Amino acid sequence: MRNTYLKFIAALFLFGSNGIIAGMISMNSYEIVFFRTMIGALALTALFIAVRKKSLRSGKADSSVMIPSEKKKLALVIGSGVCMGVSWMFLYEAFASIGVGISTVIYYTAPIALIMLSPFIFGEKLTGKKIACFSAVVLGMLLINIESVAGSFNFHGTFCAAMSAVSFVVMLVLNKKSAVSGIVNSVFQLGSAFASAAVCCFALYGGVSLPATLSDAAWLIVLGVVNTGIGCFLYFSNFMQIPVQTVSILGYIEPVSAIVLASVILSEDMTALQTAGIAVVMIASILAEVRLPATQSPALAHRSRI
């Protein structure tokens, strides 16, 4: 389980650097989403084919590369991927309309909804400790983005951010319900995300333009192969082994890492409130997953020492 958590957290750090890499690309946000999902899907498909061929040659059945025969499972993963593509399209539109700060605050209301729904959808017990730690995480996120939230209201941007959050919740629920794990999950998830992004781009914007410079093309490849392909593989191939409530809490590592990386790499100023918010998020996230040792009665403790 330790490796599972480490891989999942590594994916969140990769996702946290998306904004920095996307900032290097002089293209429209929807075009970036189109190309990152396309390149990521192609990279993962190539990896899947190679791993599957190796498995078949060895003569040993590897369940991690076997496509499920149940159409319902595949339909759930594909539906989840479509929601992911739609979520990204809405989110990048919100970034352009109302900025990253307020969009992030609205977008990350999704884990709140997911945690509240987890006892009813997934049968996960919602403990007082989880509620307290998650409340602290939300407080930390507000501290990080409070200055951005103070801006003027924009209906279009706010609606896009809210729809991105809704799509994110549906994506995670469908993916968890599919019970499909490993690279198969990642391939179908990202392939479906590309399909939905492509439909949105051509239906709403009339298509996309090719990168105008070699620099744009190079950064798109990095964003597509590393951040999207490898990132989605690490995220979705380990997603099934982690409780939904934990996924929701650890998910806040992504926006926190984005702020820290922007401060370190781009030399962006980080205010005292943001620093305090980051500390609160990280401490609460750790405490939420730390299991305290069970207390023993004095008699039992004495007996265990004998």
Foldseek 3Di string as FASTA:
>chain_A
DVVLVVLQLVLLLLLLCLVVLVVLAPFQQLQLLLLLLVLLLVLLVVVLVVVVVVCVVVVHDDLQSDDDPDPLLLVLLLLLLLLLLLLSVLLSVLCVVQNDQVLVLLLLCLLVVLLVCCCVQPVDDDDPLLVVLVVLLNVLSCLQRVVSVPDDDDVSSSVSSNSSSVSNNSSLSSLLVSPRAHSSSLNSNSVSSSVNSQCCCCVPPVGGDDGPDPSNVVSSNCSRHPSRNSSSRSNRNSVNVDRSSLCSLSSSSNNLSSVVCCCVPVVDDGDPSNVVSSVSSVVSSVSSPDDDDDDDDPVVVVVVVD
